[in-house]
Amino acid sequence: MNLQNKMKAILLKEYGDYDKLEYVENYPIPTIKENEVLVEVKAAGVNNTDINTRIGWYAKDDSLENASWDGQSLKFPRIQGADVCGFIVKVGKNVDNSRIGQRVIIEPSLQKINGKQLENPCYFGSECDGGFAQYTVISNEHAYAINSEYSDTELASFPCSYSTAENLLTRTSVNKNDTVLISGASGGVGSAAIQLAKARGAKVIAITSPSKFDEISKIGASKVISRDDNLIETLGKNSVTVVIDLVAGKSWPQFLEVLKPKGRYGVSGAIAGPIVELDVRTLYLKDLSFFGCTVIEPEVFPNLVKRIENKEIKPLVSKTFDLKDIVEAQKEFLTKKHIGKIVLKV
């Protein structure tokens, strides 16, 4: 295949506001190394991490020197975008040529770069360039072939949110005997967690805004409650076995109160605020287990691909935008009025 030398891309020039995002049409197409593949991107999903990275939210001080997933300073310009569906158009010398033409989705939690094991895993579109471009490069192991009737846009809704959700459920060992409470249930990860927990046979209680109750019920929640409700009054103490939390914030202590003894708490987000108050007595007197979930377990993404191919889970695409309209897409994303994913068409 004869490739042009330049491509369209969204460049994050430095930490900051929307003006730090630049749409260009003449950016060099990335070159691949011996254990990598070049993917022609067809669609890429928008995520909280895109915005968090852009504004330096991950930094724990004002220096922005550690404002990334792995605690290091980012190199600019950076092409973001963790959710990708596309086709392999070129392979490195150590990769089988039969992979050319395969439709793939990319595993965003990266254990390898150019086939080499990383000491500290990183994230696609954060510590390395991602999918907000016509082409992207990824280590061969992280490009998963997929056979599905879903559209490119629909498939791009899966990788980040659904692998995060599946990882949360895997780490907390959710099974058919569990009652699972999910915060932030209308977002990409929350809505994915509802479907995936239901696929495991668990009972799901979802927290969202009242305007979204009906739609959240339709995707598998047995009970839906308002994010303004007092959980202890609404559900009762010791009423759930697992909490899947994407919100944190000032109401966080209630999660521990509604967990049964030996309950499990899994977290991968803090959109309502990262600083919470913990009564350690509740933790140890109830024998609770806490799971921070960022790096994806090895079995998670292959299991996710199987669930997609078997149509055990459905894509939830709220709205699509063209690549060049990324600012409008992120503004729409931040209104939090949608259920599921906002996706950029490339």
C-alpha atoms as a PDB file:
ATOM      1  CA  MET A   1       0.000   0.000   0.000  1.00  0.00           C
ATOM      2  CA  ASN A   2       1.344   3.407  -0.957  1.00  0.00           C
ATOM      3  CA  LEU A   3       0.934   5.805   1.947  1.00  0.00           C
ATOM      4  CA  GLN A   4       1.175   9.544   1.799  1.00  0.00           C
ATOM      5  CA  ASN A   5       3.785  11.249   3.976  1.00  0.00           C
ATOM      6  CA  LYS A   6       1.367  13.500   5.843  1.00  0.00           C
ATOM      7  CA  MET A   7      -1.819  13.006   7.830  1.00  0.00           C
ATOM      8  CA  LYS A   8      -4.547  14.846   9.665  1.00  0.00           C
ATOM      9  CA  ALA A   9      -4.120  14.972  13.429  1.00  0.00           C
ATOM     10  CA  ILE A  10      -5.081  16.772  16.617  1.00  0.00           C
ATOM     11  CA  LEU A  11      -2.011  18.030  18.469  1.00  0.00           C
ATOM     12  CA  LEU A  12      -1.984  18.844  22.156  1.00  0.00           C
ATOM     13  CA  LYS A  13       0.679  21.553  22.212  1.00  0.00           C
ATOM     14  CA  GLU A  14       0.960  21.932  25.995  1.00  0.00           C
ATOM     15  CA  TYR A  15      -1.127  21.695  29.161  1.00  0.00           C
ATOM     16  CA  GLY A  16      -4.037  24.108  29.167  1.00  0.00           C
ATOM     17  CA  ASP A  17      -7.429  25.019  27.762  1.00  0.00           C
ATOM     18  CA  TYR A  18      -9.050  24.191  24.427  1.00  0.00           C
ATOM     19  CA  ASP A  19      -6.678  26.566  22.605  1.00  0.00           C
ATOM     20  CA  LYS A  20      -3.877  24.063  23.243  1.00  0.00           C
ATOM     21  CA  LEU A  21      -5.543  21.657  20.804  1.00  0.00           C
ATOM     22  CA  GLU A  22      -4.560  22.218  17.166  1.00  0.00           C
ATOM     23  CA  TYR A  23      -6.028  20.509  14.116  1.00  0.00           C
ATOM     24  CA  VAL A  24      -3.412  20.019  11.383  1.00  0.00           C
ATOM     25  CA  GLU A  25      -3.492  18.330   7.983  1.00  0.00           C
ATOM     26  CA  ASN A  26       0.223  17.989   7.309  1.00  0.00           C
ATOM     27  CA  TYR A  27       1.611  16.069  10.275  1.00  0.00           C
ATOM     28  CA  PRO A  28       4.163  13.340   9.504  1.00  0.00           C
ATOM     29  CA  ILE A  29       2.754   9.819   9.418  1.00  0.00           C
ATOM     30  CA  PRO A  30       4.457   7.851  12.208  1.00  0.00           C
ATOM     31  CA  THR A  31       7.083   5.279  11.302  1.00  0.00           C
ATOM     32  CA  ILE A  32       6.926   1.752  12.688  1.00  0.00           C
ATOM     33  CA  LYS A  33       9.636  -0.313  14.348  1.00  0.00           C
ATOM     34  CA  GLU A  34      10.214  -4.025  13.930  1.00  0.00           C
ATOM     35  CA  ASN A  35       7.513  -5.224  16.365  1.00  0.00           C
ATOM     36  CA  GLU A  36       4.881  -2.593  15.623  1.00  0.00           C
ATOM     37  CA  VAL A  37       1.931  -2.132  13.287  1.00  0.00           C
ATOM     38  CA  LEU A  38       0.607   0.974  11.567  1.00  0.00           C
ATOM     39  CA  VAL A  39      -3.147   1.378  11.976  1.00  0.00           C
ATOM     40  CA  GLU A  40      -5.324   3.554   9.752  1.00  0.00           C
ATOM     41  CA  VAL A  41      -7.740   5.053  12.260  1.00  0.00           C
ATOM     42  CA  LYS A  42     -11.412   5.092  11.323  1.00  0.00           C
ATOM     43  CA  ALA A  43     -12.915   6.288  14.605  1.00  0.00           C
ATOM     44  CA  ALA A  44     -11.691   7.315  18.047  1.00  0.00           C
ATOM     45  CA  GLY A  45     -13.662   7.805  21.258  1.00  0.00           C
ATOM     46  CA  VAL A  46     -13.507  10.782  23.618  1.00  0.00           C
ATOM     47  CA  ASN A  47     -12.673  10.084  27.271  1.00  0.00           C
ATOM     48  CA  ASN A  48     -12.225  11.794  30.613  1.00  0.00           C
ATOM     49  CA  THR A  49      -8.525  11.034  30.432  1.00  0.00           C
ATOM     50  CA  ASP A  50      -8.161  13.217  27.312  1.00  0.00           C
ATOM     51  CA  ILE A  51      -9.409  16.223  29.220  1.00  0.00           C
ATOM     52  CA  ASN A  52      -7.645  15.333  32.465  1.00  0.00           C
ATOM     53  CA  THR A  53      -4.338  15.040  30.643  1.00  0.00           C
ATOM     54  CA  ARG A  54      -4.855  18.265  28.729  1.00  0.00           C
ATOM     55  CA  ILE A  55      -5.511  20.325  31.861  1.00  0.00           C
ATOM     56  CA  GLY A  56      -2.803  18.617  33.921  1.00  0.00           C
ATOM     57  CA  TRP A  57      -5.332  17.091  36.339  1.00  0.00           C
ATOM     58  CA  TYR A  58      -3.090  14.113  37.136  1.00  0.00           C
ATOM     59  CA  ALA A  59      -0.413  16.365  38.656  1.00  0.00           C
ATOM     60  CA  LYS A  60      -0.282  16.230  42.447  1.00  0.00           C
ATOM     61  CA  ASP A  61       1.423  19.623  42.696  1.00  0.00           C
ATOM     62  CA  ASP A  62       1.573  22.853  40.675  1.00  0.00           C
ATOM     63  CA  SER A  63       4.684  21.956  38.686  1.00  0.00           C
ATOM     64  CA  LEU A  64       2.891  19.752  36.110  1.00  0.00           C
ATOM     65  CA  GLU A  65       6.055  17.653  35.994  1.00  0.00           C
ATOM     66  CA  ASN A  66       4.115  14.530  36.971  1.00  0.00           C
ATOM     67  CA  ALA A  67       0.856  15.222  35.152  1.00  0.00           C
ATOM     68  CA  SER A  68       0.425  11.878  33.427  1.00  0.00           C
ATOM     69  CA  TRP A  69      -0.672   8.303  34.111  1.00  0.00           C
ATOM     70  CA  ASP A  70       2.856   7.160  34.945  1.00  0.00           C
ATOM     71  CA  GLY A  71       3.788  10.266  36.947  1.00  0.00           C
ATOM     72  CA  GLN A  72       6.174  11.654  34.334  1.00  0.00           C
ATOM     73  CA  SER A  73       6.032  14.889  32.371  1.00  0.00           C
ATOM     74  CA  LEU A  74       4.502  14.549  28.914  1.00  0.00           C
ATOM     75  CA  LYS A  75       6.419  15.312  25.743  1.00  0.00           C
ATOM     76  CA  PHE A  76       4.683  17.777  23.435  1.00  0.00           C
ATOM     77  CA  PRO A  77       3.172  17.887  20.937  1.00  0.00           C
ATOM     78  CA  ARG A  78       1.137  14.834  21.909  1.00  0.00           C
ATOM     79  CA  ILE A  79      -1.580  13.116  19.891  1.00  0.00           C
ATOM     80  CA  GLN A  80      -4.214  11.941  22.368  1.00  0.00           C
ATOM     81  CA  GLY A  81      -7.003   9.405  21.915  1.00  0.00           C
ATOM     82  CA  ALA A  82      -7.176   6.054  23.730  1.00  0.00           C
ATOM     83  CA  ASP A  83     -10.195   4.511  21.937  1.00  0.00           C
ATOM     84  CA  VAL A  84      -9.394   3.337  18.410  1.00  0.00           C
ATOM     85  CA  CYS A  85     -10.972   1.216  15.717  1.00  0.00           C
ATOM     86  CA  GLY A  86      -9.131   0.913  12.429  1.00  0.00           C
ATOM     87  CA  PHE A  87      -7.291  -1.313   9.967  1.00  0.00           C
ATOM     88  CA  ILE A  88      -3.671  -2.462   9.938  1.00  0.00           C
ATOM     89  CA  VAL A  89      -2.005  -1.067   6.803  1.00  0.00           C
ATOM     90  CA  LYS A  90       1.664  -1.787   7.488  1.00  0.00           C
ATOM     91  CA  VAL A  91       3.655  -4.096   9.774  1.00  0.00           C
ATOM     92  CA  GLY A  92       7.176  -4.184  11.169  1.00  0.00           C
ATOM     93  CA  LYS A  93       9.707  -6.771   9.959  1.00  0.00           C
ATOM     94  CA  ASN A  94       9.012  -9.102  12.913  1.00  0.00           C
ATOM     95  CA  VAL A  95       5.228  -9.051  12.412  1.00  0.00           C
ATOM     96  CA  ASP A  96       3.395 -11.514  10.145  1.00  0.00           C
ATOM     97  CA  ASN A  97       2.324  -9.843   6.884  1.00  0.00           C
ATOM     98  CA  SER A  98      -1.037 -11.616   7.153  1.00  0.00           C
ATOM     99  CA  ARG A  99      -2.025  -8.960   9.684  1.00  0.00           C
ATOM    100  CA  ILE A 100      -2.216  -6.323   6.926  1.00  0.00           C
ATOM    101  CA  GLY A 101      -5.868  -5.539   6.297  1.00  0.00           C
ATOM    102  CA  GLN A 102      -7.112  -6.784   9.662  1.00  0.00           C
ATOM    103  CA  ARG A 103      -9.771  -4.742  11.400  1.00  0.00           C
ATOM    104  CA  VAL A 104      -8.590  -4.051  14.925  1.00  0.00           C
ATOM    105  CA  ILE A 105      -9.359  -2.321  18.175  1.00  0.00           C
ATOM    106  CA  ILE A 106      -6.441  -1.169  20.305  1.00  0.00           C
ATOM    107  CA  GLU A 107      -5.897  -2.142  23.929  1.00  0.00           C
ATOM    108  CA  PRO A 108      -5.200   1.236  25.588  1.00  0.00           C
ATOM    109  CA  SER A 109      -3.395   0.037  28.731  1.00  0.00           C
ATOM    110  CA  LEU A 110       0.068  -0.687  27.353  1.00  0.00           C
ATOM    111  CA  GLN A 111       2.361  -3.322  28.792  1.00  0.00           C
ATOM    112  CA  LYS A 112       4.715  -3.286  25.807  1.00  0.00           C
ATOM    113  CA  ILE A 113       6.257  -0.748  23.439  1.00  0.00           C
ATOM    114  CA  ASN A 114       7.688  -2.211  20.239  1.00  0.00           C
ATOM    115  CA  GLY A 115       7.319  -5.674  21.741  1.00  0.00           C
ATOM    116  CA  LYS A 116       9.435  -4.882  24.789  1.00  0.00           C
ATOM    117  CA  GLN A 117       7.999  -5.242  28.284  1.00  0.00           C
ATOM    118  CA  LEU A 118       7.681  -1.951  30.142  1.00  0.00           C
ATOM    119  CA  GLU A 119       8.813  -1.652  33.738  1.00  0.00           C
ATOM    120  CA  ASN A 120       5.928   0.739  34.346  1.00  0.00           C
ATOM    121  CA  PRO A 121       2.868   0.323  32.089  1.00  0.00           C
ATOM    122  CA  CYS A 122       1.669   3.433  30.265  1.00  0.00           C
ATOM    123  CA  TYR A 123      -1.476   4.582  28.484  1.00  0.00           C
ATOM    124  CA  PHE A 124      -2.163   4.944  24.790  1.00  0.00           C
ATOM    125  CA  GLY A 125      -2.660   8.590  23.873  1.00  0.00           C
ATOM    126  CA  SER A 126      -0.992   9.778  27.068  1.00  0.00           C
ATOM    127  CA  GLU A 127       2.612   8.608  27.432  1.00  0.00           C
ATOM    128  CA  CYS A 128       2.701   7.845  23.698  1.00  0.00           C
ATOM    129  CA  ASP A 129       0.768   9.151  20.697  1.00  0.00           C
ATOM    130  CA  GLY A 130      -2.758   7.814  20.293  1.00  0.00           C
ATOM    131  CA  GLY A 131      -5.679   7.788  17.911  1.00  0.00           C
ATOM    132  CA  PHE A 132      -6.751  11.376  17.258  1.00  0.00           C
ATOM    133  CA  ALA A 133      -5.116  11.154  13.839  1.00  0.00           C
ATOM    134  CA  GLN A 134      -5.456   9.347  10.525  1.00  0.00           C
ATOM    135  CA  TYR A 135      -2.736   6.870  11.477  1.00  0.00           C
ATOM    136  CA  THR A 136      -1.278   5.545  14.697  1.00  0.00           C
ATOM    137  CA  VAL A 137       1.444   3.098  15.721  1.00  0.00           C
ATOM    138  CA  ILE A 138       1.089   0.386  18.334  1.00  0.00           C
ATOM    139  CA  SER A 139       3.023  -2.683  19.460  1.00  0.00           C
ATOM    140  CA  ASN A 140       1.685  -5.728  17.631  1.00  0.00           C
ATOM    141  CA  GLU A 141       0.406  -7.380  20.828  1.00  0.00           C
ATOM    142  CA  HIS A 142      -1.945  -4.494  21.621  1.00  0.00           C
ATOM    143  CA  ALA A 143      -3.764  -4.481  18.251  1.00  0.00           C
ATOM    144  CA  TYR A 144      -6.587  -7.029  18.586  1.00  0.00           C
ATOM    145  CA  ALA A 145      -8.250  -8.371  15.458  1.00  0.00           C
ATOM    146  CA  ILE A 146     -12.009  -8.262  15.717  1.00  0.00           C
ATOM    147  CA  ASN A 147     -14.757  -9.858  13.647  1.00  0.00           C
ATOM    148  CA  SER A 148     -17.906  -7.849  14.195  1.00  0.00           C
ATOM    149  CA  GLU A 149     -20.904  -6.424  12.387  1.00  0.00           C
ATOM    150  CA  TYR A 150     -20.690  -3.254  14.459  1.00  0.00           C
ATOM    151  CA  SER A 151     -19.602  -0.075  12.664  1.00  0.00           C
ATOM    152  CA  ASP A 152     -16.186   1.524  13.153  1.00  0.00           C
ATOM    153  CA  THR A 153     -17.814   4.232  15.251  1.00  0.00           C
ATOM    154  CA  GLU A 154     -19.534   1.643  17.430  1.00  0.00           C
ATOM    155  CA  LEU A 155     -16.371  -0.393  17.892  1.00  0.00           C
ATOM    156  CA  ALA A 156     -14.441   2.729  18.891  1.00  0.00           C
ATOM    157  CA  SER A 157     -16.818   3.073  21.842  1.00  0.00           C
ATOM    158  CA  PHE A 158     -15.477  -0.113  23.446  1.00  0.00           C
ATOM    159  CA  PRO A 159     -11.713  -0.195  24.130  1.00  0.00           C
ATOM    160  CA  CYS A 160     -11.148   2.307  26.938  1.00  0.00           C
ATOM    161  CA  SER A 161     -14.473   2.347  28.777  1.00  0.00           C
ATOM    162  CA  TYR A 162     -15.326  -1.321  28.453  1.00  0.00           C
ATOM    163  CA  SER A 163     -11.826  -2.598  29.247  1.00  0.00           C
ATOM    164  CA  THR A 164     -11.753  -0.302  32.282  1.00  0.00           C
ATOM    165  CA  ALA A 165     -15.153  -1.609  33.368  1.00  0.00           C
ATOM    166  CA  GLU A 166     -14.246  -5.246  32.728  1.00  0.00           C
ATOM    167  CA  ASN A 167     -11.011  -4.741  34.655  1.00  0.00           C
ATOM    168  CA  LEU A 168     -12.917  -3.308  37.622  1.00  0.00           C
ATOM    169  CA  LEU A 169     -15.228  -6.319  37.625  1.00  0.00           C
ATOM    170  CA  THR A 170     -12.317  -8.726  37.180  1.00  0.00           C
ATOM    171  CA  ARG A 171     -10.281  -7.225  40.009  1.00  0.00           C
ATOM    172  CA  THR A 172     -13.278  -7.238  42.370  1.00  0.00           C
ATOM    173  CA  SER A 173     -14.258 -10.792  41.291  1.00  0.00           C
ATOM    174  CA  VAL A 174     -17.866  -9.922  40.449  1.00  0.00           C
ATOM    175  CA  ASN A 175     -20.059 -12.997  39.987  1.00  0.00           C
ATOM    176  CA  LYS A 176     -23.707 -14.054  39.827  1.00  0.00           C
ATOM    177  CA  ASN A 177     -24.072 -13.898  43.610  1.00  0.00           C
ATOM    178  CA  ASP A 178     -23.145 -10.212  43.850  1.00  0.00           C
ATOM    179  CA  THR A 179     -25.164  -7.042  44.188  1.00  0.00           C
ATOM    180  CA  VAL A 180     -23.096  -4.335  42.517  1.00  0.00           C
ATOM    181  CA  LEU A 181     -23.507  -0.596  43.098  1.00  0.00           C
ATOM    182  CA  ILE A 182     -22.163   1.511  40.212  1.00  0.00           C
ATOM    183  CA  SER A 183     -21.576   5.264  40.465  1.00  0.00           C
ATOM    184  CA  GLY A 184     -21.400   7.521  37.399  1.00  0.00           C
ATOM    185  CA  ALA A 185     -23.611   4.986  35.663  1.00  0.00           C
ATOM    186  CA  SER A 186     -24.465   7.045  32.570  1.00  0.00           C
ATOM    187  CA  GLY A 187     -20.860   7.642  31.519  1.00  0.00           C
ATOM    188  CA  GLY A 188     -18.825   5.423  29.231  1.00  0.00           C
ATOM    189  CA  VAL A 189     -17.295   3.252  31.965  1.00  0.00           C
ATOM    190  CA  GLY A 190     -20.417   3.233  34.131  1.00  0.00           C
ATOM    191  CA  SER A 191     -22.760   2.149  31.349  1.00  0.00           C
ATOM    192  CA  ALA A 192     -20.220  -0.464  30.268  1.00  0.00           C
ATOM    193  CA  ALA A 193     -19.973  -1.781  33.832  1.00  0.00           C
ATOM    194  CA  ILE A 194     -23.756  -2.202  33.981  1.00  0.00           C
ATOM    195  CA  GLN A 195     -23.785  -4.388  30.866  1.00  0.00           C
ATOM    196  CA  LEU A 196     -20.708  -6.375  31.844  1.00  0.00           C
ATOM    197  CA  ALA A 197     -21.877  -6.992  35.413  1.00  0.00           C
ATOM    198  CA  LYS A 198     -25.247  -8.121  34.058  1.00  0.00           C
ATOM    199  CA  ALA A 199     -23.442 -10.474  31.659  1.00  0.00           C
ATOM    200  CA  ARG A 200     -21.823 -12.069  34.729  1.00  0.00           C
ATOM    201  CA  GLY A 201     -25.258 -12.605  36.264  1.00  0.00           C
ATOM    202  CA  ALA A 202     -24.894  -9.981  39.011  1.00  0.00           C
ATOM    203  CA  LYS A 203     -27.665  -7.697  40.246  1.00  0.00           C
ATOM    204  CA  VAL A 204     -26.905  -4.060  39.395  1.00  0.00           C
ATOM    205  CA  ILE A 205     -27.855  -0.877  41.233  1.00  0.00           C
ATOM    206  CA  ALA A 206     -26.942   2.245  39.270  1.00  0.00           C
ATOM    207  CA  ILE A 207     -26.440   5.840  40.402  1.00  0.00           C
ATOM    208  CA  THR A 208     -27.225   8.594  37.899  1.00  0.00           C
ATOM    209  CA  SER A 209     -29.366  11.698  37.402  1.00  0.00           C
ATOM    210  CA  PRO A 210     -33.175  11.230  37.375  1.00  0.00           C
ATOM    211  CA  SER A 211     -33.460  12.265  33.710  1.00  0.00           C
ATOM    212  CA  LYS A 212     -31.499   9.137  32.748  1.00  0.00           C
ATOM    213  CA  PHE A 213     -33.320   6.566  34.889  1.00  0.00           C
ATOM    214  CA  ASP A 214     -35.285   4.955  32.048  1.00  0.00           C
ATOM    215  CA  GLU A 215     -32.324   4.558  29.714  1.00  0.00           C
ATOM    216  CA  ILE A 216     -30.094   3.153  32.446  1.00  0.00           C
ATOM    217  CA  SER A 217     -32.770   0.631  33.364  1.00  0.00           C
ATOM    218  CA  LYS A 218     -32.974  -0.488  29.737  1.00  0.00           C
ATOM    219  CA  ILE A 219     -29.282  -1.423  29.611  1.00  0.00           C
ATOM    220  CA  GLY A 220     -29.510  -3.740  32.607  1.00  0.00           C
ATOM    221  CA  ALA A 221     -29.803  -1.960  35.957  1.00  0.00           C
ATOM    222  CA  SER A 222     -32.240  -3.665  38.334  1.00  0.00           C
ATOM    223  CA  LYS A 223     -32.543  -0.495  40.416  1.00  0.00           C
ATOM    224  CA  VAL A 224     -31.623   3.125  39.613  1.00  0.00           C
ATOM    225  CA  ILE A 225     -31.134   5.812  42.248  1.00  0.00           C
ATOM    226  CA  SER A 226     -30.325   9.507  42.102  1.00  0.00           C
ATOM    227  CA  ARG A 227     -26.807  10.768  42.663  1.00  0.00           C
ATOM    228  CA  ASP A 228     -28.344  13.188  45.192  1.00  0.00           C
ATOM    229  CA  ASP A 229     -29.855  10.380  47.262  1.00  0.00           C
ATOM    230  CA  ASN A 230     -28.432   9.440  50.626  1.00  0.00           C
ATOM    231  CA  LEU A 231     -27.227   5.898  49.951  1.00  0.00           C
ATOM    232  CA  ILE A 232     -27.612   4.750  53.536  1.00  0.00           C
ATOM    233  CA  GLU A 233     -31.247   5.878  53.669  1.00  0.00           C
ATOM    234  CA  THR A 234     -32.082   4.609  50.177  1.00  0.00           C
ATOM    235  CA  LEU A 235     -30.292   1.247  50.219  1.00  0.00           C
ATOM    236  CA  GLY A 236     -29.585   0.613  53.886  1.00  0.00           C
ATOM    237  CA  LYS A 237     -26.317  -0.285  55.561  1.00  0.00           C
ATOM    238  CA  ASN A 238     -24.612  -3.542  54.516  1.00  0.00           C
ATOM    239  CA  SER A 239     -26.786  -3.887  51.412  1.00  0.00           C
ATOM    240  CA  VAL A 240     -24.319  -4.450  48.535  1.00  0.00           C
ATOM    241  CA  THR A 241     -21.328  -6.727  48.041  1.00  0.00           C
ATOM    242  CA  VAL A 242     -19.391  -4.638  45.506  1.00  0.00           C
ATOM    243  CA  VAL A 243     -19.039  -0.938  44.762  1.00  0.00           C
ATOM    244  CA  ILE A 244     -17.706   0.143  41.364  1.00  0.00           C
ATOM    245  CA  ASP A 245     -16.831   3.809  41.802  1.00  0.00           C
ATOM    246  CA  LEU A 246     -15.987   6.398  39.145  1.00  0.00           C
ATOM    247  CA  VAL A 247     -16.967   9.464  41.137  1.00  0.00           C
ATOM    248  CA  ALA A 248     -15.480   9.651  44.680  1.00  0.00           C
ATOM    249  CA  GLY A 249     -16.193  13.176  46.065  1.00  0.00           C
ATOM    250  CA  LYS A 250     -17.709  14.295  49.348  1.00  0.00           C
ATOM    251  CA  SER A 251     -20.310  11.511  49.569  1.00  0.00           C
ATOM    252  CA  TRP A 252     -17.644   8.799  49.326  1.00  0.00           C
ATOM    253  CA  PRO A 253     -17.911   7.526  52.956  1.00  0.00           C
ATOM    254  CA  GLN A 254     -21.439   6.313  52.194  1.00  0.00           C
ATOM    255  CA  PHE A 255     -20.036   3.664  49.862  1.00  0.00           C
ATOM    256  CA  LEU A 256     -18.276   1.961  52.733  1.00  0.00           C
ATOM    257  CA  GLU A 257     -21.389   2.051  54.879  1.00  0.00           C
ATOM    258  CA  VAL A 258     -23.564   0.293  52.298  1.00  0.00           C
ATOM    259  CA  LEU A 259     -20.951  -2.384  51.635  1.00  0.00           C
ATOM    260  CA  LYS A 260     -21.530  -5.654  53.426  1.00  0.00           C
ATOM    261  CA  PRO A 261     -18.764  -7.079  55.619  1.00  0.00           C
ATOM    262  CA  LYS A 262     -15.997  -8.453  53.374  1.00  0.00           C
ATOM    263  CA  GLY A 263     -17.330  -6.263  50.570  1.00  0.00           C
ATOM    264  CA  ARG A 264     -15.114  -5.151  47.689  1.00  0.00           C
ATOM    265  CA  TYR A 265     -14.596  -1.571  46.479  1.00  0.00           C
ATOM    266  CA  GLY A 266     -13.093  -0.920  43.038  1.00  0.00           C
ATOM    267  CA  VAL A 267     -12.231   2.544  41.730  1.00  0.00           C
ATOM    268  CA  SER A 268     -10.917   3.978  38.465  1.00  0.00           C
ATOM    269  CA  GLY A 269     -12.105   7.584  38.557  1.00  0.00           C
ATOM    270  CA  ALA A 270     -12.790  10.581  40.757  1.00  0.00           C
ATOM    271  CA  ILE A 271     -14.864  12.995  38.705  1.00  0.00           C
ATOM    272  CA  ALA A 272     -16.522  14.501  41.811  1.00  0.00           C
ATOM    273  CA  GLY A 273     -13.190  15.072  43.548  1.00  0.00           C
ATOM    274  CA  PRO A 274     -10.122  12.934  44.373  1.00  0.00           C
ATOM    275  CA  ILE A 275      -9.798  13.798  48.066  1.00  0.00           C
ATOM    276  CA  VAL A 276     -12.106  11.801  50.332  1.00  0.00           C
ATOM    277  CA  GLU A 277     -12.507  11.186  54.055  1.00  0.00           C
ATOM    278  CA  LEU A 278     -11.846   7.635  55.195  1.00  0.00           C
ATOM    279  CA  ASP A 279     -12.712   6.304  58.627  1.00  0.00           C
ATOM    280  CA  VAL A 280     -10.146   3.527  58.841  1.00  0.00           C
ATOM    281  CA  ARG A 281     -12.255   1.791  61.479  1.00  0.00           C
ATOM    282  CA  THR A 282     -14.919   1.093  58.864  1.00  0.00           C
ATOM    283  CA  LEU A 283     -12.279  -0.397  56.581  1.00  0.00           C
ATOM    284  CA  TYR A 284     -10.843  -2.856  59.071  1.00  0.00           C
ATOM    285  CA  LEU A 285     -13.897  -3.632  61.199  1.00  0.00           C
ATOM    286  CA  LYS A 286     -15.858  -4.655  58.090  1.00  0.00           C
ATOM    287  CA  ASP A 287     -12.886  -6.488  56.516  1.00  0.00           C
ATOM    288  CA  LEU A 288     -13.294  -4.506  53.291  1.00  0.00           C
ATOM    289  CA  SER A 289     -11.039  -4.904  50.261  1.00  0.00           C
ATOM    290  CA  PHE A 290     -10.001  -1.904  48.136  1.00  0.00           C
ATOM    291  CA  PHE A 291      -8.910  -2.163  44.497  1.00  0.00           C
ATOM    292  CA  GLY A 292      -7.354   0.694  42.572  1.00  0.00           C
ATOM    293  CA  CYS A 293      -7.811  -0.246  38.905  1.00  0.00           C
ATOM    294  CA  THR A 294      -5.724   1.310  36.143  1.00  0.00           C
ATOM    295  CA  VAL A 295      -3.457  -1.315  34.573  1.00  0.00           C
ATOM    296  CA  ILE A 296      -5.586  -3.860  32.727  1.00  0.00           C
ATOM    297  CA  GLU A 297      -5.205  -7.500  33.764  1.00  0.00           C
ATOM    298  CA  PRO A 298      -3.918  -9.755  30.914  1.00  0.00           C
ATOM    299  CA  GLU A 299      -7.192 -11.637  30.433  1.00  0.00           C
ATOM    300  CA  VAL A 300      -9.406  -8.537  30.300  1.00  0.00           C
ATOM    301  CA  PHE A 301      -9.033  -7.371  26.700  1.00  0.00           C
ATOM    302  CA  PRO A 302      -9.238 -10.828  25.070  1.00  0.00           C
ATOM    303  CA  ASN A 303     -12.379 -11.489  27.125  1.00  0.00           C
ATOM    304  CA  LEU A 304     -13.807  -8.145  26.030  1.00  0.00           C
ATOM    305  CA  VAL A 305     -13.205  -8.927  22.341  1.00  0.00           C
ATOM    306  CA  LYS A 306     -15.082 -12.228  22.762  1.00  0.00           C
ATOM    307  CA  ARG A 307     -18.027 -10.486  24.424  1.00  0.00           C
ATOM    308  CA  ILE A 308     -18.182  -7.953  21.580  1.00  0.00           C
ATOM    309  CA  GLU A 309     -18.014 -10.624  18.887  1.00  0.00           C
ATOM    310  CA  ASN A 310     -20.689 -12.670  20.668  1.00  0.00           C
ATOM    311  CA  LYS A 311     -22.873  -9.552  21.052  1.00  0.00           C
ATOM    312  CA  GLU A 312     -23.103 -10.033  24.811  1.00  0.00           C
ATOM    313  CA  ILE A 313     -22.683  -6.261  25.145  1.00  0.00           C
ATOM    314  CA  LYS A 314     -23.967  -3.412  23.016  1.00  0.00           C
ATOM    315  CA  PRO A 315     -22.215  -0.233  21.876  1.00  0.00           C
ATOM    316  CA  LEU A 316     -23.685   2.966  23.292  1.00  0.00           C
ATOM    317  CA  VAL A 317     -22.780   5.875  21.028  1.00  0.00           C
ATOM    318  CA  SER A 318     -24.413   9.126  22.042  1.00  0.00           C
ATOM    319  CA  LYS A 319     -23.054  11.427  19.357  1.00  0.00           C
ATOM    320  CA  THR A 320     -20.355  11.633  16.686  1.00  0.00           C
ATOM    321  CA  PHE A 321     -18.150  14.504  15.535  1.00  0.00           C
ATOM    322  CA  ASP A 322     -15.572  14.938  12.798  1.00  0.00           C
ATOM    323  CA  LEU A 323     -11.941  14.852  13.943  1.00  0.00           C
ATOM    324  CA  LYS A 324     -11.471  18.557  13.329  1.00  0.00           C
ATOM    325  CA  ASP A 325     -14.359  19.329  15.687  1.00  0.00           C
ATOM    326  CA  ILE A 326     -12.639  17.932  18.766  1.00  0.00           C
ATOM    327  CA  VAL A 327     -13.222  21.087  20.834  1.00  0.00           C
ATOM    328  CA  GLU A 328     -16.975  20.882  20.256  1.00  0.00           C
ATOM    329  CA  ALA A 329     -16.847  17.166  21.061  1.00  0.00           C
ATOM    330  CA  GLN A 330     -15.056  17.742  24.366  1.00  0.00           C
ATOM    331  CA  LYS A 331     -17.438  20.534  25.326  1.00  0.00           C
ATOM    332  CA  GLU A 332     -20.377  18.247  24.601  1.00  0.00           C
ATOM    333  CA  PHE A 333     -18.691  15.495  26.609  1.00  0.00           C
ATOM    334  CA  LEU A 334     -18.288  17.757  29.635  1.00  0.00           C
ATOM    335  CA  THR A 335     -22.002  18.619  29.749  1.00  0.00           C
ATOM    336  CA  LYS A 336     -22.490  15.017  30.977  1.00  0.00           C
ATOM    337  CA  LYS A 337     -25.942  14.948  29.384  1.00  0.00           C
ATOM    338  CA  HIS A 338     -25.170  11.896  27.288  1.00  0.00           C
ATOM    339  CA  ILE A 339     -25.299   8.164  27.968  1.00  0.00           C
ATOM    340  CA  GLY A 340     -22.425   6.120  26.588  1.00  0.00           C
ATOM    341  CA  LYS A 341     -19.739   7.505  24.300  1.00  0.00           C
ATOM    342  CA  ILE A 342     -18.947  10.477  22.111  1.00  0.00           C
ATOM    343  CA  VAL A 343     -16.846   9.396  19.140  1.00  0.00           C
ATOM    344  CA  LEU A 344     -14.713  11.231  16.577  1.00  0.00           C
ATOM    345  CA  LYS A 345     -14.938  10.056  12.971  1.00  0.00           C
ATOM    346  CA  VAL A 346     -11.528  10.065  11.331  1.00  0.00           C
END
